[in-house]
Amino acid sequence: TLAAYDSRSEAYLGAGQQVSLEVNVGEIKFGKPEEVKSILGDVITQRLKTEGFQVADDQPTVFKIEYKEQAGNTLQLAKNVKPSAANPLGRVATGQTLETTAALFELSWYDRESQKTLWSKKVAINPRVLYLKEATAQGARTEMFENLQSRLRAEFIPYFIPKDDTLKMLPFEITLPE
C-alpha cells in the first residue's frame, strides 16, 4: 500500500490531488446556517490542505460534510464554592438545568464518476459536561461548536484510497480486541 501511495498508482484519492468540497448544513439551534457553512468550509479546507490536497471546484473526488444540530443532554448546573473535606471538588448544585446542543456530522469521500461513496464516518457530539461563563442554551451551543471545530481539525480522514481492492486506504484503522 505504501509503495502504491509513493508511486501514485491508480487511486480514487492520492497525494497532492485536487478535490472539491461540499458542505451541507441542516437544522441549526442558534446562529445562521450560512455562517455555520462558511466556518465548517474554512475548517475543512484548512484540514485538507494540511493533508496535501488542493481544494478546487468541479473535481471528480469530493469531500463532503453533512452537519446538523438538535436538542442535546439536559445538564444540572452547579456553582463553584471553596473546596472542603466534605466537598473536595468545591461544587454545589443550583437546582437549575440547561439543555445543550448536540451535533451530528458525517464526513465522506465521494467519487462523482462512479457515483460511489469511497469512505464515510458518522459522529455524534452530545456534551455531558460543559464549563461555561455564560450558563445559557446559546452559550452551551457556542462551546459545543468551538469544540467541534477542534475535533474536525484532528478527525481521522483518509488521504489515499486505491482503486485496487487488495490495497488498503491510508491511514487505516485497526480495531484492537478488548
Protein backbone atom coordinates (compact mmCIF):
# COMPACT_ATOMS: atom_id res chain seq x y z
CA THR A 1 0.00 0.00 0.00
CA LEU A 2 2.81 2.44 0.85
CA ALA A 3 4.56 1.60 -2.42
CA ALA A 4 1.32 2.25 -4.32
CA TYR A 5 0.89 5.58 -2.50
CA ASP A 6 4.50 6.60 -3.24
CA SER A 7 4.23 5.61 -6.90
CA ARG A 8 0.92 7.46 -7.27
CA SER A 9 -0.69 4.39 -8.81
CA GLU A 10 -4.35 4.12 -9.77
CA ALA A 11 -6.28 5.66 -6.92
CA TYR A 12 -9.52 7.49 -6.29
CA LEU A 13 -7.61 9.70 -3.88
CA GLY A 14 -3.89 10.37 -3.60
CA ALA A 15 -1.14 12.81 -2.68
CA GLY A 16 -1.41 16.37 -3.95
CA GLN A 17 -4.69 15.71 -5.72
CA GLN A 18 -7.26 18.41 -6.41
CA VAL A 19 -10.55 17.70 -4.65
CA SER A 20 -13.85 19.51 -4.30
CA LEU A 21 -15.56 20.33 -1.03
CA GLU A 22 -19.29 20.09 -0.37
CA VAL A 23 -20.69 21.41 2.92
CA ASN A 24 -24.36 20.75 3.69
CA VAL A 25 -25.90 22.27 6.80
CA GLY A 26 -29.25 21.13 8.13
CA GLU A 27 -31.11 22.43 11.17
CA ILE A 28 -29.17 24.80 13.45
CA LYS A 29 -30.30 25.66 17.00
CA PHE A 30 -28.66 29.09 17.22
CA GLY A 31 -26.97 31.16 14.56
CA LYS A 32 -27.31 31.25 10.80
CA PRO A 33 -26.87 28.19 8.56
CA GLU A 34 -24.79 30.17 6.02
CA GLU A 35 -22.40 31.31 8.78
CA VAL A 36 -22.05 27.73 10.06
CA LYS A 37 -21.47 26.52 6.48
CA SER A 38 -18.73 29.12 5.98
CA ILE A 39 -16.95 28.24 9.25
CA LEU A 40 -17.11 24.48 8.57
CA GLY A 41 -15.92 25.05 5.00
CA ASP A 42 -12.91 27.04 6.25
CA VAL A 43 -12.01 24.42 8.87
CA ILE A 44 -12.26 21.51 6.41
CA THR A 45 -10.41 23.41 3.65
CA GLN A 46 -7.50 24.03 6.03
CA ARG A 47 -7.57 20.39 7.12
CA LEU A 48 -7.49 19.14 3.53
CA LYS A 49 -4.61 21.49 2.69
CA THR A 50 -2.73 20.14 5.73
CA GLU A 51 -3.18 16.64 4.27
CA GLY A 52 -1.66 17.85 0.97
CA PHE A 53 -4.84 18.30 -1.08
CA GLN A 54 -5.77 21.29 -3.22
CA VAL A 55 -9.41 22.35 -2.93
CA ALA A 56 -10.94 23.31 -6.30
CA ASP A 57 -14.37 23.34 -7.92
CA ASP A 58 -15.75 20.56 -10.15
CA GLN A 59 -13.27 17.81 -9.27
CA PRO A 60 -14.18 14.10 -9.62
CA THR A 61 -13.36 13.39 -5.97
CA VAL A 62 -15.41 15.29 -3.39
CA PHE A 63 -15.01 15.61 0.36
CA LYS A 64 -18.47 16.03 1.90
CA ILE A 65 -19.58 17.12 5.33
CA GLU A 66 -23.23 16.86 6.34
CA TYR A 67 -23.95 18.77 9.56
CA LYS A 68 -26.99 19.40 11.75
CA GLU A 69 -27.84 20.24 15.33
CA GLN A 70 -30.58 19.08 17.67
CA ALA A 71 -31.53 19.21 21.33
CA GLY A 72 -28.85 17.60 23.46
CA ASN A 73 -28.43 16.41 27.03
CA THR A 74 -30.02 18.25 29.91
CA LEU A 75 -27.28 19.15 32.36
CA GLN A 76 -27.52 20.04 36.03
CA LEU A 77 -26.00 23.44 36.79
CA ALA A 78 -23.52 23.76 39.63
CA LYS A 79 -21.64 26.69 41.09
CA ASN A 80 -18.12 26.72 42.44
CA VAL A 81 -17.55 27.15 46.17
CA LYS A 82 -14.49 26.85 48.34
CA PRO A 83 -13.41 23.16 48.47
CA SER A 84 -13.65 21.46 51.84
CA ALA A 85 -13.24 17.97 53.30
CA ALA A 86 -16.98 17.40 52.82
CA ASN A 87 -16.93 18.87 49.27
CA PRO A 88 -13.42 18.36 47.80
CA LEU A 89 -14.48 19.39 44.27
CA GLY A 90 -15.98 22.63 45.50
CA ARG A 91 -19.24 22.34 43.53
CA VAL A 92 -22.79 22.82 44.72
CA ALA A 93 -25.89 22.06 42.64
CA THR A 94 -28.05 25.11 41.93
CA GLY A 95 -31.21 23.13 41.14
CA GLN A 96 -31.28 24.61 37.64
CA THR A 97 -30.84 22.72 34.37
CA LEU A 98 -29.55 23.62 30.93
CA GLU A 99 -30.32 21.90 27.62
CA THR A 100 -27.20 21.50 25.49
CA THR A 101 -26.94 21.32 21.71
CA ALA A 102 -26.00 18.01 20.12
CA ALA A 103 -24.23 17.99 16.76
CA LEU A 104 -24.39 15.23 14.18
CA PHE A 105 -21.99 15.18 11.29
CA GLU A 106 -20.99 12.80 8.54
CA LEU A 107 -17.69 13.06 6.71
CA SER A 108 -17.23 11.25 3.40
CA TRP A 109 -15.10 10.94 0.30
CA TYR A 110 -17.26 10.57 -2.82
CA ASP A 111 -16.29 9.74 -6.42
CA ARG A 112 -18.52 11.55 -8.92
CA GLU A 113 -17.55 9.39 -11.91
CA SER A 114 -18.56 6.08 -10.32
CA GLN A 115 -21.17 7.76 -8.05
CA LYS A 116 -19.64 5.79 -5.21
CA THR A 117 -19.04 6.74 -1.59
CA LEU A 118 -15.42 5.74 -1.01
CA TRP A 119 -15.33 6.27 2.76
CA SER A 120 -17.64 7.76 5.37
CA LYS A 121 -17.78 8.30 9.10
CA LYS A 122 -20.71 9.46 11.25
CA VAL A 123 -20.10 11.23 14.54
CA ALA A 124 -22.49 12.49 17.22
CA ILE A 125 -21.32 15.05 19.76
CA ASN A 126 -23.57 15.45 22.78
CA PRO A 127 -21.84 17.21 25.69
CA ARG A 128 -22.21 15.70 29.16
CA VAL A 129 -20.03 18.27 30.90
CA LEU A 130 -19.50 21.92 29.99
CA TYR A 131 -17.64 24.70 31.74
CA LEU A 132 -19.41 27.92 30.83
CA LYS A 133 -19.04 31.53 31.85
CA GLU A 134 -22.47 32.17 30.38
CA ALA A 135 -24.82 29.36 31.50
CA THR A 136 -27.37 29.68 28.70
CA ALA A 137 -28.51 27.32 25.96
CA GLN A 138 -26.86 29.61 23.40
CA GLY A 139 -23.61 29.66 25.41
CA ALA A 140 -23.70 25.84 25.55
CA ARG A 141 -24.17 25.68 21.77
CA THR A 142 -21.27 28.10 21.21
CA GLU A 143 -18.97 25.99 23.42
CA MET A 144 -20.01 22.77 21.64
CA PHE A 145 -19.42 24.33 18.20
CA GLU A 146 -15.93 25.54 19.17
CA ASN A 147 -15.07 22.04 20.45
CA LEU A 148 -16.46 20.54 17.24
CA GLN A 149 -14.12 22.68 15.13
CA SER A 150 -11.14 21.40 17.12
CA ARG A 151 -12.36 17.85 16.63
CA LEU A 152 -12.67 18.33 12.87
CA ARG A 153 -9.07 19.56 12.73
CA ALA A 154 -7.96 16.24 14.26
CA GLU A 155 -10.53 13.77 12.89
CA PHE A 156 -9.32 10.65 11.03
CA ILE A 157 -9.58 11.37 7.28
CA PRO A 158 -8.08 9.05 4.64
CA TYR A 159 -5.51 10.66 2.33
CA PHE A 160 -5.10 7.65 -0.01
CA ILE A 161 -7.90 5.46 -1.39
CA PRO A 162 -6.68 2.97 -4.01
CA LYS A 163 -8.82 1.61 -6.83
CA ASP A 164 -7.20 -1.81 -6.26
CA ASP A 165 -9.32 -3.59 -3.62
CA THR A 166 -6.32 -5.63 -2.46
CA LEU A 167 -4.66 -2.46 -1.15
CA LYS A 168 -5.69 -0.57 1.98
CA MET A 169 -6.61 3.08 2.29
CA LEU A 170 -4.21 5.25 4.28
CA PRO A 171 -4.24 5.82 7.11
CA PHE A 172 -6.25 2.78 8.12
CA GLU A 173 -7.83 1.99 11.45
CA ILE A 174 -7.34 -1.26 13.30
CA THR A 175 -9.87 -2.41 15.84
CA LEU A 176 -8.00 -3.97 18.72
CA PRO A 177 -9.52 -6.87 20.66
CA GLU A 178 -10.82 -5.92 24.08
